[in-house]
């Protein structure tokens, strides 16, 4: 099969290498022409994946028409804040026979749309046809060939099964789900709670606090997911609990890194200014709080992360406020 990966960041480059490795013909799209030419010449993405050779058969382009026309599958691996712009560029060239697969995780703060909703709004021919591919997948582990498991989700299970059949291998095992709402929310919201987990690690608070945080984080994810039409059980799966675990514990997690540095007392702007890649959880925290208000769902942890990120509240004060909330029954 021909597969075009739209986005030559860390995850997009790794996934292009993986697809090539399992026998697909691959085109990797990079928005900036100069960067695309550099990757093509050097056969290495030194900015986002240094030290990994990109084989000659992988086509590199900055021409969106060329990229879209090449692929049977169009795999979008862009930061969530760029999805609206890139899909608008793609729209004239996407046909009914294309299948769009989203690797992106995030919720647009202004509109509160999930990534699949942005894609469908901008490319009407793909209405109800987008497949979200999500789960615990640290890119720098995937590129080493470490066993990884994901879930492909679509409103039409047969489309999810196409992705499962074509993208699974002995390296990546893919399950399917019809709950695209839950899968996308889990993959997005876990980044908020990974920031919280990083804060605890930065403060040196140990495993009791971290275990409690992640357990209650899953409860918040389920609560909001149910209100938005997702299945609570989905949040116990790969895109919820699975992705939360890896993102909250891995030293390679960008969102955990942000939280850990905050826990050490650093300012958010200083942390972000040093990062090459996007920590999706920062913007998703804004979205999560807005969604909680919209659907009348209590999200105390997400709200405290918001206060630490954007209102200058100290992590210690947020933890105290969470611990002294009104006592209640566990849900």
C-alpha atoms as a PDB file:
ATOM      1  CA  UNK A   1       0.000   0.000   0.000  1.00  0.00           C
ATOM      2  CA  UNK A   2       0.994   3.635  -0.499  1.00  0.00           C
ATOM      3  CA  UNK A   3       0.949   5.627   2.724  1.00  0.00           C
ATOM      4  CA  UNK A   4       1.568   9.353   3.088  1.00  0.00           C
ATOM      5  CA  UNK A   5       2.545  10.594   6.536  1.00  0.00           C
ATOM      6  CA  UNK A   6       1.583  14.254   6.930  1.00  0.00           C
ATOM      7  CA  UNK A   7       3.990  15.740   9.436  1.00  0.00           C
ATOM      8  CA  UNK A   8       7.727  15.113   9.778  1.00  0.00           C
ATOM      9  CA  UNK A   9       8.037  15.715  13.486  1.00  0.00           C
ATOM     10  CA  UNK A  10       9.250  13.070  15.917  1.00  0.00           C
ATOM     11  CA  UNK A  11       6.209  10.747  15.798  1.00  0.00           C
ATOM     12  CA  UNK A  12       5.528  11.296  12.103  1.00  0.00           C
ATOM     13  CA  UNK A  13       9.109  10.434  11.150  1.00  0.00           C
ATOM     14  CA  UNK A  14       9.133   7.366  13.395  1.00  0.00           C
ATOM     15  CA  UNK A  15       5.837   6.148  11.981  1.00  0.00           C
ATOM     16  CA  UNK A  16       7.070   6.652   8.411  1.00  0.00           C
ATOM     17  CA  UNK A  17      10.127   4.528   9.237  1.00  0.00           C
ATOM     18  CA  UNK A  18       7.887   1.875  10.775  1.00  0.00           C
ATOM     19  CA  UNK A  19       5.570   1.744   7.746  1.00  0.00           C
ATOM     20  CA  UNK A  20       8.564   1.400   5.438  1.00  0.00           C
ATOM     21  CA  UNK A  21       9.971  -1.336   7.653  1.00  0.00           C
ATOM     22  CA  UNK A  22       6.808  -3.447   7.337  1.00  0.00           C
ATOM     23  CA  UNK A  23       6.736  -3.123   3.562  1.00  0.00           C
ATOM     24  CA  UNK A  24       4.638  -0.105   2.621  1.00  0.00           C
ATOM     25  CA  UNK A  25       5.616   2.555   0.086  1.00  0.00           C
ATOM     26  CA  UNK A  26       5.906   5.750   2.090  1.00  0.00           C
ATOM     27  CA  UNK A  27       5.864   9.488   1.455  1.00  0.00           C
ATOM     28  CA  UNK A  28       6.762  11.831   4.321  1.00  0.00           C
ATOM     29  CA  UNK A  29       5.417  15.384   4.117  1.00  0.00           C
ATOM     30  CA  UNK A  30       7.236  18.283   5.778  1.00  0.00           C
ATOM     31  CA  UNK A  31       5.557  21.704   5.669  1.00  0.00           C
ATOM     32  CA  UNK A  32       8.747  23.785   5.454  1.00  0.00           C
ATOM     33  CA  UNK A  33      10.467  23.435   2.102  1.00  0.00           C
ATOM     34  CA  UNK A  34      13.981  24.100   3.439  1.00  0.00           C
ATOM     35  CA  UNK A  35      13.580  21.470   6.137  1.00  0.00           C
ATOM     36  CA  UNK A  36      12.188  18.953   3.644  1.00  0.00           C
ATOM     37  CA  UNK A  37      15.130  19.494   1.340  1.00  0.00           C
ATOM     38  CA  UNK A  38      17.554  19.091   4.225  1.00  0.00           C
ATOM     39  CA  UNK A  39      15.953  15.823   5.327  1.00  0.00           C
ATOM     40  CA  UNK A  40      15.961  14.592   1.738  1.00  0.00           C
ATOM     41  CA  UNK A  41      19.643  15.437   1.294  1.00  0.00           C
ATOM     42  CA  UNK A  42      20.901  14.203   4.652  1.00  0.00           C
ATOM     43  CA  UNK A  43      18.452  11.255   4.954  1.00  0.00           C
ATOM     44  CA  UNK A  44      18.083  12.141   8.610  1.00  0.00           C
ATOM     45  CA  UNK A  45      15.655  14.318  10.568  1.00  0.00           C
ATOM     46  CA  UNK A  46      18.293  15.938  12.769  1.00  0.00           C
ATOM     47  CA  UNK A  47      15.832  18.276  14.470  1.00  0.00           C
ATOM     48  CA  UNK A  48      13.252  15.719  15.602  1.00  0.00           C
ATOM     49  CA  UNK A  49      14.882  12.286  15.256  1.00  0.00           C
ATOM     50  CA  UNK A  50      18.664  12.590  15.205  1.00  0.00           C
ATOM     51  CA  UNK A  51      20.727   9.482  14.684  1.00  0.00           C
ATOM     52  CA  UNK A  52      18.210   7.534  12.596  1.00  0.00           C
ATOM     53  CA  UNK A  53      18.772   6.993   8.886  1.00  0.00           C
ATOM     54  CA  UNK A  54      15.778   7.544   6.578  1.00  0.00           C
ATOM     55  CA  UNK A  55      16.030   5.004   3.730  1.00  0.00           C
ATOM     56  CA  UNK A  56      16.082   6.292   0.157  1.00  0.00           C
ATOM     57  CA  UNK A  57      12.760   4.654  -0.825  1.00  0.00           C
ATOM     58  CA  UNK A  58      10.910   6.968   1.609  1.00  0.00           C
ATOM     59  CA  UNK A  59       9.846   9.946  -0.479  1.00  0.00           C
ATOM     60  CA  UNK A  60      10.301  13.358   1.183  1.00  0.00           C
ATOM     61  CA  UNK A  61       8.224  16.307  -0.016  1.00  0.00           C
ATOM     62  CA  UNK A  62       6.913  19.732   0.972  1.00  0.00           C
ATOM     63  CA  UNK A  63       4.292  19.638  -1.794  1.00  0.00           C
ATOM     64  CA  UNK A  64       0.938  18.811  -0.195  1.00  0.00           C
ATOM     65  CA  UNK A  65      -0.669  17.882  -3.518  1.00  0.00           C
ATOM     66  CA  UNK A  66       2.133  15.425  -4.205  1.00  0.00           C
ATOM     67  CA  UNK A  67       1.847  13.928  -0.719  1.00  0.00           C
ATOM     68  CA  UNK A  68      -1.927  13.500  -0.803  1.00  0.00           C
ATOM     69  CA  UNK A  69      -1.930  12.142  -4.338  1.00  0.00           C
ATOM     70  CA  UNK A  70       0.710   9.559  -3.412  1.00  0.00           C
ATOM     71  CA  UNK A  71      -1.144   7.887  -0.561  1.00  0.00           C
ATOM     72  CA  UNK A  72      -4.006   5.432  -0.261  1.00  0.00           C
ATOM     73  CA  UNK A  73      -3.793   6.067   3.482  1.00  0.00           C
ATOM     74  CA  UNK A  74      -3.156   9.625   4.704  1.00  0.00           C
ATOM     75  CA  UNK A  75      -1.654   9.491   8.183  1.00  0.00           C
ATOM     76  CA  UNK A  76      -1.802  12.858   9.938  1.00  0.00           C
ATOM     77  CA  UNK A  77       0.904  13.299  12.557  1.00  0.00           C
ATOM     78  CA  UNK A  78       0.784  17.047  13.119  1.00  0.00           C
ATOM     79  CA  UNK A  79       0.527  18.962  16.420  1.00  0.00           C
ATOM     80  CA  UNK A  80      -3.153  19.474  17.163  1.00  0.00           C
ATOM     81  CA  UNK A  81      -2.994  23.276  16.834  1.00  0.00           C
ATOM     82  CA  UNK A  82      -1.964  22.878  13.172  1.00  0.00           C
ATOM     83  CA  UNK A  83      -4.671  20.383  12.156  1.00  0.00           C
ATOM     84  CA  UNK A  84      -7.143  22.982  10.920  1.00  0.00           C
ATOM     85  CA  UNK A  85      -4.571  24.657   8.669  1.00  0.00           C
ATOM     86  CA  UNK A  86      -3.040  21.488   7.243  1.00  0.00           C
ATOM     87  CA  UNK A  87      -6.389  19.846   6.480  1.00  0.00           C
ATOM     88  CA  UNK A  88      -7.512  22.994   4.686  1.00  0.00           C
ATOM     89  CA  UNK A  89      -4.421  22.640   2.475  1.00  0.00           C
ATOM     90  CA  UNK A  90      -5.180  18.952   1.928  1.00  0.00           C
ATOM     91  CA  UNK A  91      -8.866  19.373   1.085  1.00  0.00           C
ATOM     92  CA  UNK A  92      -8.632  20.017  -2.694  1.00  0.00           C
ATOM     93  CA  UNK A  93      -6.678  16.805  -3.235  1.00  0.00           C
ATOM     94  CA  UNK A  94      -8.462  14.340  -0.935  1.00  0.00           C
ATOM     95  CA  UNK A  95     -10.763  11.916  -2.730  1.00  0.00           C
ATOM     96  CA  UNK A  96     -13.481   9.563  -1.558  1.00  0.00           C
ATOM     97  CA  UNK A  97     -11.069   6.641  -1.842  1.00  0.00           C
ATOM     98  CA  UNK A  98      -8.583   8.090   0.639  1.00  0.00           C
ATOM     99  CA  UNK A  99      -8.595   6.892   4.233  1.00  0.00           C
ATOM    100  CA  UNK A 100      -7.390   9.449   6.784  1.00  0.00           C
ATOM    101  CA  UNK A 101      -5.721   8.155   9.941  1.00  0.00           C
ATOM    102  CA  UNK A 102      -5.040  10.567  12.786  1.00  0.00           C
ATOM    103  CA  UNK A 103      -2.083  10.104  15.123  1.00  0.00           C
ATOM    104  CA  UNK A 104      -2.628  13.570  16.601  1.00  0.00           C
ATOM    105  CA  UNK A 105      -3.770  14.051  20.189  1.00  0.00           C
ATOM    106  CA  UNK A 106      -5.421  17.239  21.351  1.00  0.00           C
ATOM    107  CA  UNK A 107      -8.593  19.305  21.661  1.00  0.00           C
ATOM    108  CA  UNK A 108      -8.854  22.681  19.950  1.00  0.00           C
ATOM    109  CA  UNK A 109      -9.160  25.253  22.785  1.00  0.00           C
ATOM    110  CA  UNK A 110     -11.256  27.743  20.791  1.00  0.00           C
ATOM    111  CA  UNK A 111     -13.863  25.320  19.427  1.00  0.00           C
ATOM    112  CA  UNK A 112     -13.396  22.291  21.740  1.00  0.00           C
ATOM    113  CA  UNK A 113     -13.316  20.033  18.680  1.00  0.00           C
ATOM    114  CA  UNK A 114     -11.469  16.762  18.755  1.00  0.00           C
ATOM    115  CA  UNK A 115      -8.965  16.167  15.935  1.00  0.00           C
ATOM    116  CA  UNK A 116     -11.302  13.922  13.921  1.00  0.00           C
ATOM    117  CA  UNK A 117     -14.009  16.592  14.118  1.00  0.00           C
ATOM    118  CA  UNK A 118     -11.627  19.229  12.753  1.00  0.00           C
ATOM    119  CA  UNK A 119     -10.644  16.923   9.893  1.00  0.00           C
ATOM    120  CA  UNK A 120     -14.257  16.106   9.040  1.00  0.00           C
ATOM    121  CA  UNK A 121     -15.322  19.751   9.168  1.00  0.00           C
ATOM    122  CA  UNK A 122     -12.502  20.801   6.844  1.00  0.00           C
ATOM    123  CA  UNK A 123     -12.750  17.804   4.496  1.00  0.00           C
ATOM    124  CA  UNK A 124     -16.483  16.977   4.226  1.00  0.00           C
ATOM    125  CA  UNK A 125     -15.819  13.940   2.013  1.00  0.00           C
ATOM    126  CA  UNK A 126     -14.287  12.292   5.089  1.00  0.00           C
ATOM    127  CA  UNK A 127     -17.373  12.735   7.284  1.00  0.00           C
ATOM    128  CA  UNK A 128     -17.579   9.793   9.727  1.00  0.00           C
ATOM    129  CA  UNK A 129     -14.632   8.106   7.960  1.00  0.00           C
ATOM    130  CA  UNK A 130     -11.617   9.255  10.013  1.00  0.00           C
ATOM    131  CA  UNK A 131      -9.711   6.633  11.993  1.00  0.00           C
ATOM    132  CA  UNK A 132      -7.968   7.669  15.216  1.00  0.00           C
ATOM    133  CA  UNK A 133      -4.898   5.576  16.031  1.00  0.00           C
ATOM    134  CA  UNK A 134      -3.863   6.001  19.654  1.00  0.00           C
ATOM    135  CA  UNK A 135      -2.301   4.293  22.640  1.00  0.00           C
ATOM    136  CA  UNK A 136       0.913   4.088  24.692  1.00  0.00           C
ATOM    137  CA  UNK A 137       3.575   4.861  22.116  1.00  0.00           C
ATOM    138  CA  UNK A 138       6.726   6.742  23.062  1.00  0.00           C
ATOM    139  CA  UNK A 139       8.181   7.400  19.610  1.00  0.00           C
ATOM    140  CA  UNK A 140      11.801   6.815  20.594  1.00  0.00           C
ATOM    141  CA  UNK A 141      10.866   3.340  21.808  1.00  0.00           C
ATOM    142  CA  UNK A 142       8.853   2.527  18.682  1.00  0.00           C
ATOM    143  CA  UNK A 143      11.807   3.413  16.453  1.00  0.00           C
ATOM    144  CA  UNK A 144      13.902   0.835  18.323  1.00  0.00           C
ATOM    145  CA  UNK A 145      11.396  -1.885  17.483  1.00  0.00           C
ATOM    146  CA  UNK A 146      10.116  -2.245  21.047  1.00  0.00           C
ATOM    147  CA  UNK A 147       6.744  -4.109  21.153  1.00  0.00           C
ATOM    148  CA  UNK A 148       3.931  -1.550  21.102  1.00  0.00           C
ATOM    149  CA  UNK A 149       0.148  -1.839  21.181  1.00  0.00           C
ATOM    150  CA  UNK A 150      -2.353   0.696  19.806  1.00  0.00           C
ATOM    151  CA  UNK A 151      -6.083   0.976  19.188  1.00  0.00           C
ATOM    152  CA  UNK A 152      -7.652   2.067  15.881  1.00  0.00           C
ATOM    153  CA  UNK A 153     -11.049   3.680  16.322  1.00  0.00           C
ATOM    154  CA  UNK A 154     -13.686   4.865  13.870  1.00  0.00           C
ATOM    155  CA  UNK A 155     -17.435   5.312  13.754  1.00  0.00           C
ATOM    156  CA  UNK A 156     -17.329   2.566  11.121  1.00  0.00           C
ATOM    157  CA  UNK A 157     -15.538  -0.461  12.514  1.00  0.00           C
ATOM    158  CA  UNK A 158     -14.655  -1.747   9.040  1.00  0.00           C
ATOM    159  CA  UNK A 159     -12.447   1.317   8.507  1.00  0.00           C
ATOM    160  CA  UNK A 160     -10.702   0.719  11.821  1.00  0.00           C
ATOM    161  CA  UNK A 161     -10.165  -2.883  10.751  1.00  0.00           C
ATOM    162  CA  UNK A 162      -8.523  -1.732   7.498  1.00  0.00           C
ATOM    163  CA  UNK A 163      -5.973   0.185   9.552  1.00  0.00           C
ATOM    164  CA  UNK A 164      -5.566  -2.763  11.901  1.00  0.00           C
ATOM    165  CA  UNK A 165      -4.940  -5.168   9.015  1.00  0.00           C
ATOM    166  CA  UNK A 166      -2.563  -2.918   7.074  1.00  0.00           C
ATOM    167  CA  UNK A 167      -0.568  -1.384   9.943  1.00  0.00           C
ATOM    168  CA  UNK A 168      -0.192  -4.304  12.387  1.00  0.00           C
ATOM    169  CA  UNK A 169       3.009  -6.343  12.562  1.00  0.00           C
ATOM    170  CA  UNK A 170       5.115  -8.280  15.041  1.00  0.00           C
ATOM    171  CA  UNK A 171       6.292  -4.860  16.299  1.00  0.00           C
ATOM    172  CA  UNK A 172       2.960  -3.051  16.657  1.00  0.00           C
ATOM    173  CA  UNK A 173      -0.256  -4.872  17.566  1.00  0.00           C
ATOM    174  CA  UNK A 174      -3.458  -2.932  16.843  1.00  0.00           C
ATOM    175  CA  UNK A 175      -6.874  -3.467  18.405  1.00  0.00           C
ATOM    176  CA  UNK A 176     -10.077  -1.846  17.133  1.00  0.00           C
ATOM    177  CA  UNK A 177     -12.844   0.205  18.718  1.00  0.00           C
ATOM    178  CA  UNK A 178     -16.024   1.972  17.607  1.00  0.00           C
ATOM    179  CA  UNK A 179     -15.671   4.546  20.389  1.00  0.00           C
ATOM    180  CA  UNK A 180     -13.717   7.277  18.616  1.00  0.00           C
ATOM    181  CA  UNK A 181     -14.978   9.846  21.143  1.00  0.00           C
ATOM    182  CA  UNK A 182     -13.484   7.909  24.045  1.00  0.00           C
ATOM    183  CA  UNK A 183     -10.281   7.018  22.211  1.00  0.00           C
ATOM    184  CA  UNK A 184      -9.563  10.617  21.214  1.00  0.00           C
ATOM    185  CA  UNK A 185     -10.486  12.020  24.608  1.00  0.00           C
ATOM    186  CA  UNK A 186      -8.296   9.486  26.396  1.00  0.00           C
ATOM    187  CA  UNK A 187      -5.325  10.237  24.149  1.00  0.00           C
ATOM    188  CA  UNK A 188      -5.777  13.964  24.706  1.00  0.00           C
ATOM    189  CA  UNK A 189      -6.711  14.212  28.381  1.00  0.00           C
ATOM    190  CA  UNK A 190      -3.932  11.922  29.585  1.00  0.00           C
ATOM    191  CA  UNK A 191      -1.473  14.688  28.702  1.00  0.00           C
ATOM    192  CA  UNK A 192      -3.091  16.977  31.279  1.00  0.00           C
ATOM    193  CA  UNK A 193      -2.651  14.379  33.986  1.00  0.00           C
ATOM    194  CA  UNK A 194       0.885  13.572  32.843  1.00  0.00           C
ATOM    195  CA  UNK A 195       1.737  17.194  33.639  1.00  0.00           C
ATOM    196  CA  UNK A 196       0.243  16.668  37.096  1.00  0.00           C
ATOM    197  CA  UNK A 197       2.281  13.475  37.534  1.00  0.00           C
ATOM    198  CA  UNK A 198       5.413  15.323  36.523  1.00  0.00           C
ATOM    199  CA  UNK A 199       4.696  18.003  39.118  1.00  0.00           C
ATOM    200  CA  UNK A 200       4.548  15.340  41.826  1.00  0.00           C
ATOM    201  CA  UNK A 201       7.861  13.897  40.628  1.00  0.00           C
ATOM    202  CA  UNK A 202       9.420  17.357  40.566  1.00  0.00           C
ATOM    203  CA  UNK A 203       8.344  17.831  44.164  1.00  0.00           C
ATOM    204  CA  UNK A 204       9.683  14.390  45.095  1.00  0.00           C
ATOM    205  CA  UNK A 205       6.383  13.212  46.567  1.00  0.00           C
ATOM    206  CA  UNK A 206       6.817   9.519  45.827  1.00  0.00           C
ATOM    207  CA  UNK A 207       4.561   6.734  44.611  1.00  0.00           C
ATOM    208  CA  UNK A 208       1.625   6.973  47.042  1.00  0.00           C
ATOM    209  CA  UNK A 209       0.730  10.414  45.746  1.00  0.00           C
ATOM    210  CA  UNK A 210       1.349   9.446  42.123  1.00  0.00           C
ATOM    211  CA  UNK A 211      -0.781   6.309  42.331  1.00  0.00           C
ATOM    212  CA  UNK A 212      -3.618   8.292  43.888  1.00  0.00           C
ATOM    213  CA  UNK A 213      -3.312  11.013  41.247  1.00  0.00           C
ATOM    214  CA  UNK A 214      -3.452   8.631  38.289  1.00  0.00           C
ATOM    215  CA  UNK A 215      -6.365   6.657  39.752  1.00  0.00           C
ATOM    216  CA  UNK A 216      -8.410   9.796  40.277  1.00  0.00           C
ATOM    217  CA  UNK A 217      -7.314  11.100  36.866  1.00  0.00           C
ATOM    218  CA  UNK A 218      -8.881   8.042  35.225  1.00  0.00           C
ATOM    219  CA  UNK A 219     -12.082   8.754  37.168  1.00  0.00           C
ATOM    220  CA  UNK A 220     -12.113  12.305  35.769  1.00  0.00           C
ATOM    221  CA  UNK A 221     -11.501  11.069  32.237  1.00  0.00           C
ATOM    222  CA  UNK A 222     -14.354   8.573  32.505  1.00  0.00           C
ATOM    223  CA  UNK A 223     -16.675  11.201  33.971  1.00  0.00           C
ATOM    224  CA  UNK A 224     -16.088  13.653  31.124  1.00  0.00           C
ATOM    225  CA  UNK A 225     -16.034  10.926  28.493  1.00  0.00           C
ATOM    226  CA  UNK A 226     -19.425   9.616  29.571  1.00  0.00           C
ATOM    227  CA  UNK A 227     -20.902  13.119  29.426  1.00  0.00           C
ATOM    228  CA  UNK A 228     -19.571  13.570  25.876  1.00  0.00           C
ATOM    229  CA  UNK A 229     -20.891  10.267  24.592  1.00  0.00           C
ATOM    230  CA  UNK A 230     -17.855   8.048  25.091  1.00  0.00           C
ATOM    231  CA  UNK A 231     -17.816   4.632  26.771  1.00  0.00           C
ATOM    232  CA  UNK A 232     -16.335   4.660  30.287  1.00  0.00           C
ATOM    233  CA  UNK A 233     -14.705   1.277  29.577  1.00  0.00           C
ATOM    234  CA  UNK A 234     -12.624   2.856  26.808  1.00  0.00           C
ATOM    235  CA  UNK A 235     -10.712   4.866  29.407  1.00  0.00           C
ATOM    236  CA  UNK A 236      -9.587   1.631  31.053  1.00  0.00           C
ATOM    237  CA  UNK A 237      -8.030   0.586  27.751  1.00  0.00           C
ATOM    238  CA  UNK A 238      -4.973   1.441  25.694  1.00  0.00           C
ATOM    239  CA  UNK A 239      -5.895   5.015  24.775  1.00  0.00           C
ATOM    240  CA  UNK A 240      -6.832   5.893  28.356  1.00  0.00           C
ATOM    241  CA  UNK A 241      -5.095   4.049  31.173  1.00  0.00           C
ATOM    242  CA  UNK A 242      -2.385   2.622  28.892  1.00  0.00           C
ATOM    243  CA  UNK A 243      -1.383   5.951  27.411  1.00  0.00           C
ATOM    244  CA  UNK A 244      -1.669   7.675  30.795  1.00  0.00           C
ATOM    245  CA  UNK A 245       0.746   5.213  32.400  1.00  0.00           C
ATOM    246  CA  UNK A 246       3.461   5.602  29.784  1.00  0.00           C
ATOM    247  CA  UNK A 247       3.100   9.386  29.583  1.00  0.00           C
ATOM    248  CA  UNK A 248       3.085   9.848  33.346  1.00  0.00           C
ATOM    249  CA  UNK A 249       6.156   7.683  33.989  1.00  0.00           C
ATOM    250  CA  UNK A 250       8.419   8.038  30.947  1.00  0.00           C
ATOM    251  CA  UNK A 251      11.316  10.450  31.147  1.00  0.00           C
ATOM    252  CA  UNK A 252      10.865  10.888  27.388  1.00  0.00           C
ATOM    253  CA  UNK A 253       7.348  12.281  27.847  1.00  0.00           C
ATOM    254  CA  UNK A 254       7.192  15.967  26.956  1.00  0.00           C
ATOM    255  CA  UNK A 255       4.179  16.588  29.194  1.00  0.00           C
ATOM    256  CA  UNK A 256       5.739  14.827  32.162  1.00  0.00           C
ATOM    257  CA  UNK A 257       8.855  16.944  31.582  1.00  0.00           C
ATOM    258  CA  UNK A 258       6.820  20.155  31.716  1.00  0.00           C
ATOM    259  CA  UNK A 259       5.212  19.090  34.977  1.00  0.00           C
ATOM    260  CA  UNK A 260       8.469  17.950  36.540  1.00  0.00           C
ATOM    261  CA  UNK A 261      10.123  21.279  35.802  1.00  0.00           C
ATOM    262  CA  UNK A 262       7.112  23.129  37.221  1.00  0.00           C
ATOM    263  CA  UNK A 263       7.409  21.005  40.351  1.00  0.00           C
ATOM    264  CA  UNK A 264      11.021  22.143  40.654  1.00  0.00           C
ATOM    265  CA  UNK A 265       9.824  25.744  40.689  1.00  0.00           C
ATOM    266  CA  UNK A 266      10.502  26.820  37.104  1.00  0.00           C
ATOM    267  CA  UNK A 267       8.191  29.073  35.075  1.00  0.00           C
ATOM    268  CA  UNK A 268       6.098  27.653  32.236  1.00  0.00           C
ATOM    269  CA  UNK A 269       7.362  30.091  29.592  1.00  0.00           C
ATOM    270  CA  UNK A 270      10.974  29.242  30.394  1.00  0.00           C
ATOM    271  CA  UNK A 271      10.286  25.512  30.144  1.00  0.00           C
ATOM    272  CA  UNK A 272       8.442  25.751  26.827  1.00  0.00           C
ATOM    273  CA  UNK A 273      11.061  28.055  25.291  1.00  0.00           C
ATOM    274  CA  UNK A 274      13.655  25.285  25.625  1.00  0.00           C
ATOM    275  CA  UNK A 275      11.543  22.586  23.993  1.00  0.00           C
ATOM    276  CA  UNK A 276      11.732  21.662  20.299  1.00  0.00           C
ATOM    277  CA  UNK A 277       8.595  19.514  20.332  1.00  0.00           C
ATOM    278  CA  UNK A 278       5.071  20.438  21.443  1.00  0.00           C
ATOM    279  CA  UNK A 279       3.744  19.506  24.891  1.00  0.00           C
ATOM    280  CA  UNK A 280       0.098  19.013  23.919  1.00  0.00           C
ATOM    281  CA  UNK A 281      -1.081  18.900  27.510  1.00  0.00           C
ATOM    282  CA  UNK A 282      -0.608  22.633  28.011  1.00  0.00           C
ATOM    283  CA  UNK A 283      -3.298  23.630  25.504  1.00  0.00           C
ATOM    284  CA  UNK A 284      -5.393  20.566  26.298  1.00  0.00           C
ATOM    285  CA  UNK A 285      -5.616  21.723  29.912  1.00  0.00           C
ATOM    286  CA  UNK A 286      -7.468  24.831  28.721  1.00  0.00           C
ATOM    287  CA  UNK A 287      -9.795  22.639  26.652  1.00  0.00           C
ATOM    288  CA  UNK A 288     -10.414  20.164  29.470  1.00  0.00           C
ATOM    289  CA  UNK A 289     -11.484  22.873  31.899  1.00  0.00           C
ATOM    290  CA  UNK A 290     -13.799  24.408  29.285  1.00  0.00           C
ATOM    291  CA  UNK A 291     -15.302  21.007  28.492  1.00  0.00           C
ATOM    292  CA  UNK A 292     -15.896  20.355  32.176  1.00  0.00           C
ATOM    293  CA  UNK A 293     -17.774  23.637  32.431  1.00  0.00           C
ATOM    294  CA  UNK A 294     -19.718  22.997  29.232  1.00  0.00           C
ATOM    295  CA  UNK A 295     -20.889  19.541  30.291  1.00  0.00           C
ATOM    296  CA  UNK A 296     -21.222  20.265  34.003  1.00  0.00           C
ATOM    297  CA  UNK A 297     -18.552  17.724  34.943  1.00  0.00           C
ATOM    298  CA  UNK A 298     -16.317  18.112  37.967  1.00  0.00           C
ATOM    299  CA  UNK A 299     -12.604  17.886  37.035  1.00  0.00           C
ATOM    300  CA  UNK A 300     -10.726  18.984  40.170  1.00  0.00           C
ATOM    301  CA  UNK A 301      -7.291  17.730  39.102  1.00  0.00           C
ATOM    302  CA  UNK A 302      -7.493  19.256  35.632  1.00  0.00           C
ATOM    303  CA  UNK A 303      -8.654  22.531  37.153  1.00  0.00           C
ATOM    304  CA  UNK A 304      -5.704  22.635  39.541  1.00  0.00           C
ATOM    305  CA  UNK A 305      -3.285  21.916  36.686  1.00  0.00           C
ATOM    306  CA  UNK A 306      -4.884  24.870  34.894  1.00  0.00           C
ATOM    307  CA  UNK A 307      -4.301  27.143  37.898  1.00  0.00           C
ATOM    308  CA  UNK A 308      -0.653  26.097  38.126  1.00  0.00           C
ATOM    309  CA  UNK A 309      -0.053  26.567  34.401  1.00  0.00           C
ATOM    310  CA  UNK A 310      -1.897  29.802  33.791  1.00  0.00           C
ATOM    311  CA  UNK A 311      -2.701  31.519  37.092  1.00  0.00           C
ATOM    312  CA  UNK A 312       0.619  31.201  38.866  1.00  0.00           C
ATOM    313  CA  UNK A 313      -0.725  29.017  41.663  1.00  0.00           C
ATOM    314  CA  UNK A 314       1.944  27.060  43.496  1.00  0.00           C
ATOM    315  CA  UNK A 315       1.831  23.274  43.061  1.00  0.00           C
ATOM    316  CA  UNK A 316       1.927  22.873  46.838  1.00  0.00           C
ATOM    317  CA  UNK A 317      -1.228  24.994  47.221  1.00  0.00           C
ATOM    318  CA  UNK A 318      -3.000  22.999  44.504  1.00  0.00           C
ATOM    319  CA  UNK A 319      -2.139  19.715  46.191  1.00  0.00           C
ATOM    320  CA  UNK A 320      -3.384  20.993  49.541  1.00  0.00           C
ATOM    321  CA  UNK A 321      -6.642  22.173  47.981  1.00  0.00           C
ATOM    322  CA  UNK A 322      -7.175  18.774  46.345  1.00  0.00           C
ATOM    323  CA  UNK A 323      -6.459  16.927  49.582  1.00  0.00           C
ATOM    324  CA  UNK A 324      -8.828  19.089  51.647  1.00  0.00           C
ATOM    325  CA  UNK A 325     -11.821  19.002  49.277  1.00  0.00           C
ATOM    326  CA  UNK A 326     -15.172  17.887  50.670  1.00  0.00           C
ATOM    327  CA  UNK A 327     -15.022  14.196  51.540  1.00  0.00           C
ATOM    328  CA  UNK A 328     -17.022  11.913  49.234  1.00  0.00           C
ATOM    329  CA  UNK A 329     -17.635   8.347  48.120  1.00  0.00           C
ATOM    330  CA  UNK A 330     -15.237   6.913  45.542  1.00  0.00           C
ATOM    331  CA  UNK A 331     -16.641   6.794  42.013  1.00  0.00           C
END
